[in-house]
Structures are given as C-alpha cells and as structure tokens.
Amino acid sequence: RARRPLLRAGVPQAAPGYGPVVQGRPVEGRPVRMRRLPCCGLGMGWLLFIAGFFLAAIPWYIGAFVLICVRVHDHREKPGYVACTVAAIIAAIVIPLGVTKGTDSW
C-alpha cells in the first residue's frame, strides 16, 4: 500500500514525481526568464524620457509616436512611452506659452 503525501490545509500539492503546482495544476517545462531591457535595464521609453530633458523635448515626441503608432510587445516598455506622451503634451502647451511671454503687440 502506497503512502499518501501529507497535505497542508489550502495548499495544493503535486502528485509524486511532478514539479511545482500553480493554481492547483502541476507545471511542467523550463521556467520562463524575461530578457533584459536595453539601455542599462531601463528600456527605450525611459531612455527617451530622460533624453528629452537634454534634447529639447524631441525624444518625447518620438516616444509618443511609438506609443500611438507602434505595437509594443514588451509590457515593461509601456510606462516609459506613456511618460514620454504626457511630457510631450505638457511641452506642446508650455513651450509656446514661454516663447510668446512678454511679446505683447499693443
């Protein structure tokens, strides 16, 4: 007669000879490793966001274009592109106001 493994309350257990269990089902195969993001682990979106402060907001418009027109496959890249889009919108409002300040034609 085979011995049954001890079960802890509420914790699903795998059958003998199987690997780990996720949501009550045994998981087979190799674990999935996510690839490292480019640009020192930041991603292109955050790199464009930081570069926009030094390069007159042009990288922010590039990041906004990528977010709107290109399908981003890595979900970790999206927050950087969203930050670029928000910064581009703010820059599109603030820069013209700063340029025209004090040039009243009265």
PDB file of N, CA and C in Angstrom:
ATOM      1  N   ARG A   1       0.842  -1.180   0.000  1.00  0.00           N
ATOM      2  CA  ARG A   1       0.000   0.000   0.000  1.00  0.00           C
ATOM      3  C   ARG A   1       0.888   1.243   0.000  1.00  0.00           C
ATOM      4  N   ALA A   2       0.635   2.181  -0.952  1.00  0.00           N
ATOM      5  CA  ALA A   2       1.456   3.389  -1.095  1.00  0.00           C
ATOM      6  C   ALA A   2       1.065   4.431  -0.064  1.00  0.00           C
ATOM      7  N   ARG A   3       2.061   5.147   0.398  1.00  0.00           N
ATOM      8  CA  ARG A   3       1.801   6.213   1.367  1.00  0.00           C
ATOM      9  C   ARG A   3       1.402   7.482   0.617  1.00  0.00           C
ATOM     10  N   ARG A   4       0.425   8.185   1.112  1.00  0.00           N
ATOM     11  CA  ARG A   4      -0.010   9.446   0.529  1.00  0.00           C
ATOM     12  C   ARG A   4       0.791  10.588   1.148  1.00  0.00           C
ATOM     13  N   PRO A   5       1.146  11.618   0.362  1.00  0.00           N
ATOM     14  CA  PRO A   5       1.887  12.746   0.939  1.00  0.00           C
ATOM     15  C   PRO A   5       1.000  13.531   1.900  1.00  0.00           C
ATOM     16  N   LEU A   6       1.634  14.123   2.900  1.00  0.00           N
ATOM     17  CA  LEU A   6       0.894  14.939   3.853  1.00  0.00           C
ATOM     18  C   LEU A   6       0.427  16.217   3.155  1.00  0.00           C
ATOM     19  N   LEU A   7      -0.822  16.583   3.361  1.00  0.00           N
ATOM     20  CA  LEU A   7      -1.395  17.766   2.739  1.00  0.00           C
ATOM     21  C   LEU A   7      -1.591  18.848   3.781  1.00  0.00           C
ATOM     22  N   ARG A   8      -1.133  20.045   3.445  1.00  0.00           N
ATOM     23  CA  ARG A   8      -1.412  21.180   4.307  1.00  0.00           C
ATOM     24  C   ARG A   8      -2.740  21.777   3.861  1.00  0.00           C
ATOM     25  N   ALA A   9      -3.474  22.318   4.801  1.00  0.00           N
ATOM     26  CA  ALA A   9      -4.803  22.859   4.505  1.00  0.00           C
ATOM     27  C   ALA A   9      -4.698  24.038   3.542  1.00  0.00           C
ATOM     28  N   GLY A  10      -5.420  23.990   2.437  1.00  0.00           N
ATOM     29  CA  GLY A  10      -5.496  25.083   1.477  1.00  0.00           C
ATOM     30  C   GLY A  10      -4.333  25.179   0.518  1.00  0.00           C
ATOM     31  N   VAL A  11      -3.345  24.328   0.611  1.00  0.00           N
ATOM     32  CA  VAL A  11      -2.188  24.385  -0.279  1.00  0.00           C
ATOM     33  C   VAL A  11      -2.235  23.189  -1.213  1.00  0.00           C
ATOM     34  N   PRO A  12      -2.409  23.406  -2.532  1.00  0.00           N
ATOM     35  CA  PRO A  12      -2.448  22.272  -3.453  1.00  0.00           C
ATOM     36  C   PRO A  12      -1.074  21.611  -3.545  1.00  0.00           C
ATOM     37  N   GLN A  13      -1.077  20.316  -3.637  1.00  0.00           N
ATOM     38  CA  GLN A  13       0.154  19.550  -3.705  1.00  0.00           C
ATOM     39  C   GLN A  13       0.219  18.824  -5.049  1.00  0.00           C
ATOM     40  N   ALA A  14       1.433  18.671  -5.549  1.00  0.00           N
ATOM     41  CA  ALA A  14       1.619  17.928  -6.787  1.00  0.00           C
ATOM     42  C   ALA A  14       1.666  16.437  -6.476  1.00  0.00           C
ATOM     43  N   ALA A  15       1.322  15.668  -7.457  1.00  0.00           N
ATOM     44  CA  ALA A  15       1.438  14.219  -7.306  1.00  0.00           C
ATOM     45  C   ALA A  15       2.917  13.865  -7.251  1.00  0.00           C
ATOM     46  N   PRO A  16       3.272  12.760  -6.637  1.00  0.00           N
ATOM     47  CA  PRO A  16       4.686  12.395  -6.548  1.00  0.00           C
ATOM     48  C   PRO A  16       5.304  12.272  -7.937  1.00  0.00           C
ATOM     49  N   GLY A  17       6.485  12.871  -8.094  1.00  0.00           N
ATOM     50  CA  GLY A  17       7.186  12.809  -9.367  1.00  0.00           C
ATOM     51  C   GLY A  17       6.948  14.013 -10.253  1.00  0.00           C
ATOM     52  N   TYR A  18       6.096  14.923  -9.844  1.00  0.00           N
ATOM     53  CA  TYR A  18       5.822  16.125 -10.635  1.00  0.00           C
ATOM     54  C   TYR A  18       6.505  17.327 -10.001  1.00  0.00           C
ATOM     55  N   GLY A  19       6.603  18.419 -10.755  1.00  0.00           N
ATOM     56  CA  GLY A  19       7.256  19.642 -10.292  1.00  0.00           C
ATOM     57  C   GLY A  19       6.318  20.506  -9.473  1.00  0.00           C
ATOM     58  N   PRO A  20       6.525  21.813  -9.514  1.00  0.00           N
ATOM     59  CA  PRO A  20       5.711  22.734  -8.713  1.00  0.00           C
ATOM     60  C   PRO A  20       4.265  22.808  -9.190  1.00  0.00           C
ATOM     61  N   VAL A  21       3.411  23.360  -8.331  1.00  0.00           N
ATOM     62  CA  VAL A  21       1.985  23.461  -8.619  1.00  0.00           C
ATOM     63  C   VAL A  21       1.599  24.931  -8.648  1.00  0.00           C
ATOM     64  N   VAL A  22       0.855  25.339  -9.690  1.00  0.00           N
ATOM     65  CA  VAL A  22       0.321  26.691  -9.792  1.00  0.00           C
ATOM     66  C   VAL A  22      -1.169  26.576 -10.011  1.00  0.00           C
ATOM     67  N   GLN A  23      -1.950  27.194  -9.149  1.00  0.00           N
ATOM     68  CA  GLN A  23      -3.414  27.178  -9.205  1.00  0.00           C
ATOM     69  C   GLN A  23      -3.949  25.762  -9.290  1.00  0.00           C
ATOM     70  N   GLY A  24      -3.375  24.860  -8.533  1.00  0.00           N
ATOM     71  CA  GLY A  24      -3.883  23.506  -8.446  1.00  0.00           C
ATOM     72  C   GLY A  24      -3.465  22.585  -9.565  1.00  0.00           C
ATOM     73  N   ARG A  25      -2.670  23.074 -10.523  1.00  0.00           N
ATOM     74  CA  ARG A  25      -2.247  22.238 -11.646  1.00  0.00           C
ATOM     75  C   ARG A  25      -0.726  22.124 -11.645  1.00  0.00           C
ATOM     76  N   PRO A  26      -0.199  20.959 -11.927  1.00  0.00           N
ATOM     77  CA  PRO A  26       1.258  20.835 -11.976  1.00  0.00           C
ATOM     78  C   PRO A  26       1.839  21.591 -13.175  1.00  0.00           C
ATOM     79  N   VAL A  27       2.967  22.227 -12.970  1.00  0.00           N
ATOM     80  CA  VAL A  27       3.636  22.996 -14.006  1.00  0.00           C
ATOM     81  C   VAL A  27       4.793  22.165 -14.545  1.00  0.00           C
ATOM     82  N   GLU A  28       4.853  22.053 -15.861  1.00  0.00           N
ATOM     83  CA  GLU A  28       5.914  21.285 -16.493  1.00  0.00           C
ATOM     84  C   GLU A  28       6.747  22.193 -17.374  1.00  0.00           C
ATOM     85  N   GLY A  29       7.962  21.799 -17.635  1.00  0.00           N
ATOM     86  CA  GLY A  29       8.828  22.543 -18.535  1.00  0.00           C
ATOM     87  C   GLY A  29       9.782  23.450 -17.789  1.00  0.00           C
ATOM     88  N   ARG A  30      10.568  24.173 -18.584  1.00  0.00           N
ATOM     89  CA  ARG A  30      11.550  25.084 -18.013  1.00  0.00           C
ATOM     90  C   ARG A  30      10.891  26.383 -17.598  1.00  0.00           C
ATOM     91  N   PRO A  31      11.381  27.015 -16.555  1.00  0.00           N
ATOM     92  CA  PRO A  31      10.819  28.316 -16.176  1.00  0.00           C
ATOM     93  C   PRO A  31      11.158  29.381 -17.224  1.00  0.00           C
ATOM     94  N   VAL A  32      10.252  30.299 -17.418  1.00  0.00           N
ATOM     95  CA  VAL A  32      10.425  31.346 -18.416  1.00  0.00           C
ATOM     96  C   VAL A  32      11.211  32.491 -17.788  1.00  0.00           C
ATOM     97  N   ARG A  33      12.278  32.899 -18.444  1.00  0.00           N
ATOM     98  CA  ARG A  33      13.067  34.043 -17.991  1.00  0.00           C
ATOM     99  C   ARG A  33      12.808  35.208 -18.926  1.00  0.00           C
ATOM    100  N   MET A  34      12.552  36.366 -18.339  1.00  0.00           N
ATOM    101  CA  MET A  34      12.334  37.549 -19.157  1.00  0.00           C
ATOM    102  C   MET A  34      13.689  38.110 -19.566  1.00  0.00           C
ATOM    103  N   ARG A  35      13.782  38.548 -20.811  1.00  0.00           N
ATOM    104  CA  ARG A  35      15.034  39.107 -21.295  1.00  0.00           C
ATOM    105  C   ARG A  35      15.275  40.460 -20.642  1.00  0.00           C
ATOM    106  N   ARG A  36      16.535  40.848 -20.598  1.00  0.00           N
ATOM    107  CA  ARG A  36      16.904  42.121 -20.002  1.00  0.00           C
ATOM    108  C   ARG A  36      16.513  43.263 -20.937  1.00  0.00           C
ATOM    109  N   LEU A  37      16.029  44.353 -20.361  1.00  0.00           N
ATOM    110  CA  LEU A  37      15.671  45.517 -21.165  1.00  0.00           C
ATOM    111  C   LEU A  37      16.929  46.214 -21.671  1.00  0.00           C
ATOM    112  N   PRO A  38      16.850  46.811 -22.868  1.00  0.00           N
ATOM    113  CA  PRO A  38      18.027  47.538 -23.374  1.00  0.00           C
ATOM    114  C   PRO A  38      18.271  48.804 -22.552  1.00  0.00           C
ATOM    115  N   CYS A  39      19.366  49.446 -22.789  1.00  0.00           N
ATOM    116  CA  CYS A  39      19.698  50.734 -22.166  1.00  0.00           C
ATOM    117  C   CYS A  39      19.829  50.627 -20.652  1.00  0.00           C
ATOM    118  N   CYS A  40      20.726  49.773 -20.206  1.00  0.00           N
ATOM    119  CA  CYS A  40      21.030  49.602 -18.774  1.00  0.00           C
ATOM    120  C   CYS A  40      19.824  49.112 -17.985  1.00  0.00           C
ATOM    121  N   GLY A  41      18.947  48.358 -18.597  1.00  0.00           N
ATOM    122  CA  GLY A  41      17.785  47.814 -17.912  1.00  0.00           C
ATOM    123  C   GLY A  41      16.606  48.757 -17.823  1.00  0.00           C
ATOM    124  N   LEU A  42      16.699  49.955 -18.384  1.00  0.00           N
ATOM    125  CA  LEU A  42      15.608  50.927 -18.301  1.00  0.00           C
ATOM    126  C   LEU A  42      14.559  50.721 -19.372  1.00  0.00           C
ATOM    127  N   GLY A  43      14.949  50.452 -20.565  1.00  0.00           N
ATOM    128  CA  GLY A  43      14.014  50.376 -21.678  1.00  0.00           C
ATOM    129  C   GLY A  43      14.086  51.648 -22.501  1.00  0.00           C
ATOM    130  N   MET A  44      13.643  51.555 -23.727  1.00  0.00           N
ATOM    131  CA  MET A  44      13.732  52.686 -24.654  1.00  0.00           C
ATOM    132  C   MET A  44      12.821  53.838 -24.241  1.00  0.00           C
ATOM    133  N   GLY A  45      11.659  53.538 -23.678  1.00  0.00           N
ATOM    134  CA  GLY A  45      10.737  54.599 -23.283  1.00  0.00           C
ATOM    135  C   GLY A  45      11.336  55.516 -22.234  1.00  0.00           C
ATOM    136  N   TRP A  46      11.929  54.923 -21.192  1.00  0.00           N
ATOM    137  CA  TRP A  46      12.538  55.744 -20.140  1.00  0.00           C
ATOM    138  C   TRP A  46      13.792  56.441 -20.645  1.00  0.00           C
ATOM    139  N   LEU A  47      14.531  55.813 -21.539  1.00  0.00           N
ATOM    140  CA  LEU A  47      15.696  56.473 -22.113  1.00  0.00           C
ATOM    141  C   LEU A  47      15.275  57.713 -22.901  1.00  0.00           C
ATOM    142  N   LEU A  48      14.219  57.598 -23.700  1.00  0.00           N
ATOM    143  CA  LEU A  48      13.716  58.757 -24.436  1.00  0.00           C
ATOM    144  C   LEU A  48      13.195  59.833 -23.495  1.00  0.00           C
ATOM    145  N   PHE A  49      12.556  59.412 -22.399  1.00  0.00           N
ATOM    146  CA  PHE A  49      12.032  60.378 -21.430  1.00  0.00           C
ATOM    147  C   PHE A  49      13.167  61.193 -20.808  1.00  0.00           C
ATOM    148  N   ILE A  50      14.224  60.525 -20.381  1.00  0.00           N
ATOM    149  CA  ILE A  50      15.359  61.223 -19.768  1.00  0.00           C
ATOM    150  C   ILE A  50      16.069  62.091 -20.797  1.00  0.00           C
ATOM    151  N   ALA A  51      16.237  61.578 -22.010  1.00  0.00           N
ATOM    152  CA  ALA A  51      16.928  62.339 -23.053  1.00  0.00           C
ATOM    153  C   ALA A  51      16.138  63.577 -23.465  1.00  0.00           C
ATOM    154  N   GLY A  52      14.828  63.549 -23.299  1.00  0.00           N
ATOM    155  CA  GLY A  52      14.000  64.693 -23.675  1.00  0.00           C
ATOM    156  C   GLY A  52      14.311  65.946 -22.889  1.00  0.00           C
ATOM    157  N   PHE A  53      14.821  65.803 -21.663  1.00  0.00           N
ATOM    158  CA  PHE A  53      15.187  66.972 -20.873  1.00  0.00           C
ATOM    159  C   PHE A  53      16.429  67.663 -21.443  1.00  0.00           C
ATOM    160  N   PHE A  54      17.284  66.895 -22.107  1.00  0.00           N
ATOM    161  CA  PHE A  54      18.534  67.444 -22.626  1.00  0.00           C
ATOM    162  C   PHE A  54      18.468  67.789 -24.108  1.00  0.00           C
ATOM    163  N   LEU A  55      17.527  67.211 -24.831  1.00  0.00           N
ATOM    164  CA  LEU A  55      17.472  67.397 -26.284  1.00  0.00           C
ATOM    165  C   LEU A  55      16.194  68.098 -26.746  1.00  0.00           C
ATOM    166  N   ALA A  56      15.766  69.087 -25.988  1.00  0.00           N
ATOM    167  CA  ALA A  56      14.670  69.983 -26.377  1.00  0.00           C
ATOM    168  C   ALA A  56      13.356  69.264 -26.666  1.00  0.00           C
ATOM    169  N   ALA A  57      13.024  68.251 -25.898  1.00  0.00           N
ATOM    170  CA  ALA A  57      11.733  67.551 -25.940  1.00  0.00           C
ATOM    171  C   ALA A  57      11.498  66.735 -27.208  1.00  0.00           C
ATOM    172  N   ILE A  58      12.443  66.693 -28.120  1.00  0.00           N
ATOM    173  CA  ILE A  58      12.251  65.915 -29.352  1.00  0.00           C
ATOM    174  C   ILE A  58      12.102  64.419 -29.059  1.00  0.00           C
ATOM    175  N   PRO A  59      12.883  63.830 -28.158  1.00  0.00           N
ATOM    176  CA  PRO A  59      12.678  62.407 -27.847  1.00  0.00           C
ATOM    177  C   PRO A  59      11.298  62.101 -27.261  1.00  0.00           C
ATOM    178  N   TRP A  60      10.695  63.073 -26.588  1.00  0.00           N
ATOM    179  CA  TRP A  60       9.350  62.844 -26.052  1.00  0.00           C
ATOM    180  C   TRP A  60       8.348  62.644 -27.185  1.00  0.00           C
ATOM    181  N   TYR A  61       8.491  63.421 -28.251  1.00  0.00           N
ATOM    182  CA  TYR A  61       7.589  63.267 -29.393  1.00  0.00           C
ATOM    183  C   TYR A  61       7.820  61.924 -30.094  1.00  0.00           C
ATOM    184  N   ILE A  62       9.067  61.479 -30.122  1.00  0.00           N
ATOM    185  CA  ILE A  62       9.362  60.156 -30.696  1.00  0.00           C
ATOM    186  C   ILE A  62       8.706  59.062 -29.847  1.00  0.00           C
ATOM    187  N   GLY A  63       8.818  59.172 -28.516  1.00  0.00           N
ATOM    188  CA  GLY A  63       8.189  58.196 -27.621  1.00  0.00           C
ATOM    189  C   GLY A  63       6.668  58.201 -27.744  1.00  0.00           C
ATOM    190  N   ALA A  64       6.078  59.378 -27.907  1.00  0.00           N
ATOM    191  CA  ALA A  64       4.628  59.460 -28.104  1.00  0.00           C
ATOM    192  C   ALA A  64       4.224  58.805 -29.421  1.00  0.00           C
ATOM    193  N   PHE A  65       5.023  59.023 -30.469  1.00  0.00           N
ATOM    194  CA  PHE A  65       4.741  58.387 -31.756  1.00  0.00           C
ATOM    195  C   PHE A  65       4.806  56.866 -31.644  1.00  0.00           C
ATOM    196  N   VAL A  66       5.812  56.364 -30.931  1.00  0.00           N
ATOM    197  CA  VAL A  66       5.951  54.912 -30.756  1.00  0.00           C
ATOM    198  C   VAL A  66       4.751  54.353 -30.002  1.00  0.00           C
ATOM    199  N   LEU A  67       4.319  55.046 -28.946  1.00  0.00           N
ATOM    200  CA  LEU A  67       3.174  54.558 -28.167  1.00  0.00           C
ATOM    201  C   LEU A  67       1.903  54.533 -29.006  1.00  0.00           C
ATOM    202  N   ILE A  68       1.707  55.564 -29.819  1.00  0.00           N
ATOM    203  CA  ILE A  68       0.457  55.678 -30.573  1.00  0.00           C
ATOM    204  C   ILE A  68       0.456  54.806 -31.827  1.00  0.00           C
ATOM    205  N   CYS A  69       1.581  54.730 -32.530  1.00  0.00           N
ATOM    206  CA  CYS A  69       1.592  54.112 -33.853  1.00  0.00           C
ATOM    207  C   CYS A  69       2.240  52.729 -33.933  1.00  0.00           C
ATOM    208  N   VAL A  70       3.000  52.323 -32.927  1.00  0.00           N
ATOM    209  CA  VAL A  70       3.737  51.062 -32.993  1.00  0.00           C
ATOM    210  C   VAL A  70       3.220  50.134 -31.907  1.00  0.00           C
ATOM    211  N   ARG A  71       3.095  48.884 -32.245  1.00  0.00           N
ATOM    212  CA  ARG A  71       2.659  47.897 -31.259  1.00  0.00           C
ATOM    213  C   ARG A  71       3.863  47.487 -30.406  1.00  0.00           C
ATOM    214  N   VAL A  72       3.789  47.772 -29.101  1.00  0.00           N
ATOM    215  CA  VAL A  72       4.874  47.466 -28.181  1.00  0.00           C
ATOM    216  C   VAL A  72       4.641  46.061 -27.644  1.00  0.00           C
ATOM    217  N   HIS A  73       5.594  45.156 -27.890  1.00  0.00           N
ATOM    218  CA  HIS A  73       5.420  43.763 -27.500  1.00  0.00           C
ATOM    219  C   HIS A  73       5.754  43.504 -26.038  1.00  0.00           C
ATOM    220  N   ASP A  74       6.619  44.302 -25.462  1.00  0.00           N
ATOM    221  CA  ASP A  74       7.034  44.086 -24.077  1.00  0.00           C
ATOM    222  C   ASP A  74       6.253  45.032 -23.181  1.00  0.00           C
ATOM    223  N   HIS A  75       5.458  44.489 -22.281  1.00  0.00           N
ATOM    224  CA  HIS A  75       4.619  45.314 -21.416  1.00  0.00           C
ATOM    225  C   HIS A  75       5.446  46.172 -20.466  1.00  0.00           C
ATOM    226  N   ARG A  76       6.700  45.830 -20.251  1.00  0.00           N
ATOM    227  CA  ARG A  76       7.546  46.618 -19.356  1.00  0.00           C
ATOM    228  C   ARG A  76       7.999  47.917 -19.999  1.00  0.00           C
ATOM    229  N   GLU A  77       7.893  48.045 -21.308  1.00  0.00           N
ATOM    230  CA  GLU A  77       8.299  49.252 -22.017  1.00  0.00           C
ATOM    231  C   GLU A  77       7.219  50.338 -21.978  1.00  0.00           C
ATOM    232  N   LYS A  78       5.987  49.960 -21.790  1.00  0.00           N
ATOM    233  CA  LYS A  78       4.866  50.886 -21.943  1.00  0.00           C
ATOM    234  C   LYS A  78       4.888  52.081 -20.976  1.00  0.00           C
ATOM    235  N   PRO A  79       5.209  51.923 -19.681  1.00  0.00           N
ATOM    236  CA  PRO A  79       5.199  53.105 -18.796  1.00  0.00           C
ATOM    237  C   PRO A  79       6.145  54.214 -19.245  1.00  0.00           C
ATOM    238  N   GLY A  80       7.284  53.874 -19.795  1.00  0.00           N
ATOM    239  CA  GLY A  80       8.206  54.898 -20.294  1.00  0.00           C
ATOM    240  C   GLY A  80       7.639  55.654 -21.474  1.00  0.00           C
ATOM    241  N   TYR A  81       6.962  54.937 -22.368  1.00  0.00           N
ATOM    242  CA  TYR A  81       6.348  55.601 -23.520  1.00  0.00           C
ATOM    243  C   TYR A  81       5.167  56.471 -23.083  1.00  0.00           C
ATOM    244  N   VAL A  82       4.430  56.033 -22.080  1.00  0.00           N
ATOM    245  CA  VAL A  82       3.327  56.859 -21.559  1.00  0.00           C
ATOM    246  C   VAL A  82       3.895  58.133 -20.935  1.00  0.00           C
ATOM    247  N   ALA A  83       5.001  58.023 -20.204  1.00  0.00           N
ATOM    248  CA  ALA A  83       5.641  59.209 -19.625  1.00  0.00           C
ATOM    249  C   ALA A  83       6.091  60.168 -20.722  1.00  0.00           C
ATOM    250  N   CYS A  84       6.616  59.635 -21.812  1.00  0.00           N
ATOM    251  CA  CYS A  84       7.004  60.479 -22.947  1.00  0.00           C
ATOM    252  C   CYS A  84       5.798  61.192 -23.543  1.00  0.00           C
ATOM    253  N   THR A  85       4.685  60.488 -23.654  1.00  0.00           N
ATOM    254  CA  THR A  85       3.480  61.088 -24.232  1.00  0.00           C
ATOM    255  C   THR A  85       2.959  62.215 -23.355  1.00  0.00           C
ATOM    256  N   VAL A  86       2.924  61.991 -22.050  1.00  0.00           N
ATOM    257  CA  VAL A  86       2.460  63.035 -21.130  1.00  0.00           C
ATOM    258  C   VAL A  86       3.401  64.236 -21.189  1.00  0.00           C
ATOM    259  N   ALA A  87       4.702  63.985 -21.182  1.00  0.00           N
ATOM    260  CA  ALA A  87       5.675  65.084 -21.251  1.00  0.00           C
ATOM    261  C   ALA A  87       5.559  65.831 -22.571  1.00  0.00           C
ATOM    262  N   ALA A  88       5.296  65.132 -23.667  1.00  0.00           N
ATOM    263  CA  ALA A  88       5.151  65.791 -24.968  1.00  0.00           C
ATOM    264  C   ALA A  88       3.916  66.690 -24.993  1.00  0.00           C
ATOM    265  N   ILE A  89       2.834  66.235 -24.375  1.00  0.00           N
ATOM    266  CA  ILE A  89       1.617  67.050 -24.331  1.00  0.00           C
ATOM    267  C   ILE A  89       1.854  68.303 -23.496  1.00  0.00           C
ATOM    268  N   ILE A  90       2.504  68.141 -22.349  1.00  0.00           N
ATOM    269  CA  ILE A  90       2.794  69.300 -21.498  1.00  0.00           C
ATOM    270  C   ILE A  90       3.749  70.252 -22.213  1.00  0.00           C
ATOM    271  N   ALA A  91       4.763  69.710 -22.873  1.00  0.00           N
ATOM    272  CA  ALA A  91       5.716  70.563 -23.600  1.00  0.00           C
ATOM    273  C   ALA A  91       5.030  71.307 -24.744  1.00  0.00           C
ATOM    274  N   ALA A  92       4.071  70.653 -25.400  1.00  0.00           N
ATOM    275  CA  ALA A  92       3.364  71.305 -26.502  1.00  0.00           C
ATOM    276  C   ALA A  92       2.527  72.478 -26.007  1.00  0.00           C
ATOM    277  N   ILE A  93       2.173  72.491 -24.744  1.00  0.00           N
ATOM    278  CA  ILE A  93       1.408  73.608 -24.172  1.00  0.00           C
ATOM    279  C   ILE A  93       2.347  74.662 -23.588  1.00  0.00           C
ATOM    280  N   VAL A  94       3.357  74.221 -22.853  1.00  0.00           N
ATOM    281  CA  VAL A  94       4.216  75.133 -22.105  1.00  0.00           C
ATOM    282  C   VAL A  94       5.209  75.871 -23.003  1.00  0.00           C
ATOM    283  N   ILE A  95       5.809  75.202 -23.967  1.00  0.00           N
ATOM    284  CA  ILE A  95       6.842  75.847 -24.797  1.00  0.00           C
ATOM    285  C   ILE A  95       6.288  77.036 -25.582  1.00  0.00           C
ATOM    286  N   PRO A  96       5.140  76.938 -26.253  1.00  0.00           N
ATOM    287  CA  PRO A  96       4.620  78.132 -26.945  1.00  0.00           C
ATOM    288  C   PRO A  96       4.260  79.265 -25.982  1.00  0.00           C
ATOM    289  N   LEU A  97       3.784  78.934 -24.791  1.00  0.00           N
ATOM    290  CA  LEU A  97       3.478  79.992 -23.823  1.00  0.00           C
ATOM    291  C   LEU A  97       4.755  80.680 -23.355  1.00  0.00           C
ATOM    292  N   GLY A  98       5.822  79.945 -23.165  1.00  0.00           N
ATOM    293  CA  GLY A  98       7.084  80.529 -22.762  1.00  0.00           C
ATOM    294  C   GLY A  98       7.724  81.374 -23.848  1.00  0.00           C
ATOM    295  N   VAL A  99       7.566  80.974 -25.090  1.00  0.00           N
ATOM    296  CA  VAL A  99       8.146  81.723 -26.208  1.00  0.00           C
ATOM    297  C   VAL A  99       7.412  83.028 -26.420  1.00  0.00           C
ATOM    298  N   THR A 100       6.109  83.036 -26.260  1.00  0.00           N
ATOM    299  CA  THR A 100       5.319  84.226 -26.524  1.00  0.00           C
ATOM    300  C   THR A 100       5.155  85.126 -25.297  1.00  0.00           C
ATOM    301  N   LYS A 101       5.718  84.776 -24.170  1.00  0.00           N
ATOM    302  CA  LYS A 101       5.560  85.571 -22.959  1.00  0.00           C
ATOM    303  C   LYS A 101       6.292  86.915 -23.117  1.00  0.00           C
ATOM    304  N   GLY A 102       5.609  87.976 -22.843  1.00  0.00           N
ATOM    305  CA  GLY A 102       6.215  89.302 -22.893  1.00  0.00           C
ATOM    306  C   GLY A 102       6.318  89.898 -24.282  1.00  0.00           C
ATOM    307  N   THR A 103       5.709  89.292 -25.268  1.00  0.00           N
ATOM    308  CA  THR A 103       5.756  89.856 -26.629  1.00  0.00           C
ATOM    309  C   THR A 103       4.393  90.412 -27.011  1.00  0.00           C
ATOM    310  N   ASP A 104       3.854  91.229 -26.127  1.00  0.00           N
ATOM    311  CA  ASP A 104       2.555  91.827 -26.427  1.00  0.00           C
ATOM    312  C   ASP A 104       2.712  92.863 -27.541  1.00  0.00           C
ATOM    313  N   SER A 105       1.781  92.868 -28.448  1.00  0.00           N
ATOM    314  CA  SER A 105       1.854  93.800 -29.577  1.00  0.00           C
ATOM    315  C   SER A 105       0.843  94.929 -29.418  1.00  0.00           C
ATOM    316  N   TRP A 106       0.731  95.487 -28.231  1.00  0.00           N
ATOM    317  CA  TRP A 106      -0.221  96.557 -28.004  1.00  0.00           C
ATOM    318  C   TRP A 106       0.300  97.835 -28.501  1.00  0.00           C
TER     319      TRP A 106
END
